[in-house]
Amino acid sequence: MRTTHLMLLSALAVGGALSLSTDAWAGRVRVHGAGTAADGAQVRGTAAAGRNANGAYVRGHGSRTDAAGNTTGRSGAAVQGADGGSANRSGSWYRNADGSAGRQGMANATTAAGGSLSTSGEISRDAAGNVNGARSTSATTAGGASYTGSTTVQNGSVSHTGTCTDSSGQVVACRK
């Protein structure tokens, strides 16, 4: 119960700080909470936010470790530039007592001029050490040129494909 209250207070503090207008508030806030859940798991989390003439940000992360030594976590962040550009990301991860582990995440960004980026992926390792994962990415310039690609890893073998287009939509060679 105590941990739930700490996390709720953290979220309210950060949300409240960002809801104020730029003229009313500039500065930073950071809150942290840690405790023991009803099942005995250790939990902790941190949230932070800031705002000034250049823009604003908010970020947070939390983790949970059970009695067997298995740990999970999540994190996220968002930024807003004064010129209109913005970005956000989120992810989660796990690490188990048997040696298996993994993470997944995504990110998006937009420039003030209209360019954009989006990427997401995941990777995992099983208890025997085998690694598998994939990531896909797409980006578009404000002028309309674009890149779309993906990378995969399976048992130590990596492969990548990618396609680039110019502003008229014609496929062109990707720069290296």
Protein backbone atom coordinates (compact mmCIF):
# COMPACT_ATOMS: atom_id res chain seq x y z
CA MET A 1 0.00 0.00 0.00
CA ARG A 2 2.82 2.41 0.91
CA THR A 3 4.49 1.83 -2.46
CA THR A 4 1.25 2.52 -4.31
CA HIS A 5 0.93 5.84 -2.50
CA LEU A 6 4.54 6.80 -3.28
CA MET A 7 4.09 6.07 -6.98
CA LEU A 8 0.76 7.93 -7.08
CA LEU A 9 2.28 10.97 -5.37
CA SER A 10 5.19 10.86 -7.83
CA ALA A 11 2.85 10.83 -10.81
CA LEU A 12 0.74 13.65 -9.39
CA ALA A 13 3.78 15.82 -8.67
CA VAL A 14 5.19 15.42 -12.16
CA GLY A 15 1.82 15.82 -13.87
CA GLY A 16 1.04 18.92 -11.83
CA ALA A 17 4.39 20.47 -12.63
CA LEU A 18 3.88 20.03 -16.37
CA SER A 19 0.31 21.30 -16.36
CA LEU A 20 1.38 24.81 -15.36
CA SER A 21 2.00 27.36 -18.10
CA THR A 22 5.59 28.21 -19.00
CA ASP A 23 5.14 31.72 -17.62
CA ALA A 24 3.96 30.39 -14.26
CA TRP A 25 6.67 27.83 -13.67
CA ALA A 26 10.20 27.04 -14.78
CA GLY A 27 12.46 24.61 -13.03
CA ARG A 28 12.78 20.95 -12.20
CA VAL A 29 11.09 18.43 -9.95
CA ARG A 30 12.20 14.90 -9.06
CA VAL A 31 10.50 12.33 -6.85
CA HIS A 32 11.58 8.86 -5.79
CA GLY A 33 9.83 6.04 -4.00
CA ALA A 34 10.86 2.58 -2.82
CA GLY A 35 9.29 -0.08 -0.70
CA THR A 36 8.11 -3.64 -0.30
CA ALA A 37 4.96 -4.93 -2.00
CA ALA A 38 2.44 -7.17 -0.22
CA ASP A 39 4.04 -10.25 -1.82
CA GLY A 40 7.50 -9.26 -0.54
CA ALA A 41 8.84 -7.94 -3.84
CA GLN A 42 11.11 -4.91 -3.69
CA VAL A 43 9.78 -2.04 -5.81
CA ARG A 44 11.20 1.36 -6.61
CA GLY A 45 10.55 4.18 -9.00
CA THR A 46 11.66 7.67 -9.92
CA ALA A 47 9.92 10.41 -11.90
CA ALA A 48 11.31 13.77 -12.98
CA ALA A 49 10.12 16.75 -14.97
CA GLY A 50 11.44 20.12 -15.99
CA ARG A 51 10.50 23.15 -18.00
CA ASN A 52 12.22 26.34 -19.15
CA ALA A 53 12.28 28.65 -22.17
CA ASN A 54 13.76 25.86 -24.33
CA GLY A 55 10.99 23.33 -23.69
CA ALA A 56 9.90 20.69 -21.22
CA TYR A 57 10.59 17.08 -20.32
CA VAL A 58 9.14 14.31 -18.20
CA ARG A 59 10.69 10.92 -17.53
CA GLY A 60 10.23 8.03 -15.18
CA HIS A 61 11.35 4.51 -14.45
CA GLY A 62 10.48 1.75 -12.04
CA SER A 63 11.54 -1.78 -11.19
CA ARG A 64 10.34 -4.77 -9.22
CA THR A 65 12.48 -7.65 -7.89
CA ASP A 66 10.79 -10.72 -6.44
CA ALA A 67 12.13 -13.07 -3.76
CA ALA A 68 13.49 -15.47 -6.42
CA GLY A 69 15.68 -12.73 -7.93
CA ASN A 70 13.61 -12.07 -11.05
CA THR A 71 13.58 -8.38 -11.94
CA THR A 72 11.32 -6.41 -14.27
CA GLY A 73 11.34 -2.74 -15.11
CA ARG A 74 9.74 -0.05 -17.22
CA SER A 75 10.76 3.42 -18.27
CA GLY A 76 9.49 6.24 -20.40
CA ALA A 77 10.25 9.82 -21.32
CA ALA A 78 8.87 12.67 -23.39
CA VAL A 79 10.32 16.03 -24.43
CA GLN A 80 8.80 19.05 -26.10
CA GLY A 81 11.00 21.72 -27.66
CA ALA A 82 10.09 25.39 -27.64
CA ASP A 83 10.19 25.34 -31.46
CA GLY A 84 7.56 22.57 -31.70
CA GLY A 85 9.75 19.49 -32.03
CA SER A 86 8.93 16.59 -29.73
CA ALA A 87 10.04 13.07 -28.88
CA ASN A 88 8.96 10.21 -26.66
CA ARG A 89 10.18 6.76 -25.77
CA SER A 90 9.10 3.84 -23.63
CA GLY A 91 10.52 0.47 -22.82
CA SER A 92 10.48 -2.49 -20.52
CA TRP A 93 12.99 -5.14 -19.53
CA TYR A 94 13.36 -8.28 -17.48
CA ARG A 95 16.19 -10.33 -16.01
CA ASN A 96 15.43 -13.71 -14.51
CA ALA A 97 17.35 -15.75 -11.97
CA ASP A 98 17.93 -18.47 -14.61
CA GLY A 99 20.00 -16.05 -16.72
CA SER A 100 17.35 -15.21 -19.29
CA ALA A 101 16.84 -11.54 -20.04
CA GLY A 102 15.24 -9.24 -22.55
CA ARG A 103 14.06 -5.78 -23.36
CA GLN A 104 11.69 -4.07 -25.74
CA GLY A 105 11.21 -0.45 -26.55
CA MET A 106 9.96 2.18 -28.92
CA ALA A 107 10.69 5.81 -29.71
CA ASN A 108 9.08 8.51 -31.83
CA ALA A 109 10.24 11.99 -32.73
CA THR A 110 8.92 14.87 -34.80
CA THR A 111 10.85 17.95 -35.83
CA ALA A 112 9.33 21.41 -35.85
CA ALA A 113 9.77 21.40 -39.63
CA GLY A 114 7.75 18.20 -40.07
CA GLY A 115 10.33 15.42 -40.19
CA SER A 116 9.60 12.29 -38.21
CA LEU A 117 11.21 9.14 -36.83
CA SER A 118 9.71 5.97 -35.41
CA THR A 119 11.55 2.91 -34.16
CA SER A 120 10.67 -0.14 -32.12
CA GLY A 121 12.34 -3.39 -31.26
CA GLU A 122 12.96 -6.18 -28.86
CA ILE A 123 15.76 -8.55 -27.96
CA SER A 124 15.90 -11.54 -25.65
CA ARG A 125 18.37 -14.09 -24.34
CA ASP A 126 17.17 -17.44 -23.07
CA ALA A 127 18.73 -19.33 -20.16
CA ALA A 128 21.01 -21.21 -22.60
CA GLY A 129 22.41 -17.94 -23.99
CA ASN A 130 20.61 -17.88 -27.35
CA VAL A 131 19.91 -14.32 -28.49
CA ASN A 132 17.03 -13.31 -30.75
CA GLY A 133 15.60 -9.93 -31.59
CA ALA A 134 14.41 -7.44 -34.16
CA ARG A 135 14.20 -3.69 -34.68
CA SER A 136 12.31 -1.69 -37.28
CA THR A 137 12.86 1.97 -38.06
CA SER A 138 11.24 4.50 -40.34
CA ALA A 139 12.19 8.12 -40.85
CA THR A 140 10.89 10.87 -43.11
CA THR A 141 12.46 14.26 -43.71
CA ALA A 142 10.40 17.43 -43.79
CA GLY A 143 10.97 17.40 -47.56
CA GLY A 144 9.46 13.92 -47.97
CA ALA A 145 12.53 11.69 -48.42
CA SER A 146 12.29 8.55 -46.32
CA TYR A 147 14.02 5.47 -44.94
CA THR A 148 12.39 2.23 -43.81
CA GLY A 149 14.45 -0.64 -42.48
CA SER A 150 14.63 -3.59 -40.17
CA THR A 151 17.37 -5.57 -38.47
CA THR A 152 17.03 -9.04 -36.98
CA VAL A 153 19.36 -11.21 -34.93
CA GLN A 154 18.77 -14.92 -34.54
CA ASN A 155 21.25 -17.20 -32.81
CA GLY A 156 24.17 -14.87 -33.56
CA SER A 157 23.25 -14.22 -37.20
CA VAL A 158 22.37 -10.60 -38.02
CA SER A 159 20.47 -9.48 -41.11
CA HIS A 160 19.37 -6.04 -42.24
CA THR A 161 17.13 -4.67 -44.95
CA GLY A 162 16.49 -1.03 -45.75
CA THR A 163 14.84 1.09 -48.42
CA CYS A 164 15.28 4.79 -49.11
CA THR A 165 13.10 7.04 -51.23
CA ASP A 166 13.55 10.59 -52.44
CA SER A 167 10.96 13.31 -51.98
CA SER A 168 9.07 12.17 -55.09
CA GLY A 169 8.74 8.62 -53.74
CA GLN A 170 11.31 7.05 -56.07
CA VAL A 171 13.55 4.37 -54.53
CA VAL A 172 17.15 5.58 -54.27
CA ALA A 173 20.37 4.14 -52.87
CA CYS A 174 20.67 4.61 -49.12
CA ARG A 175 23.71 6.55 -47.90
CA LYS A 176 26.19 4.55 -45.88
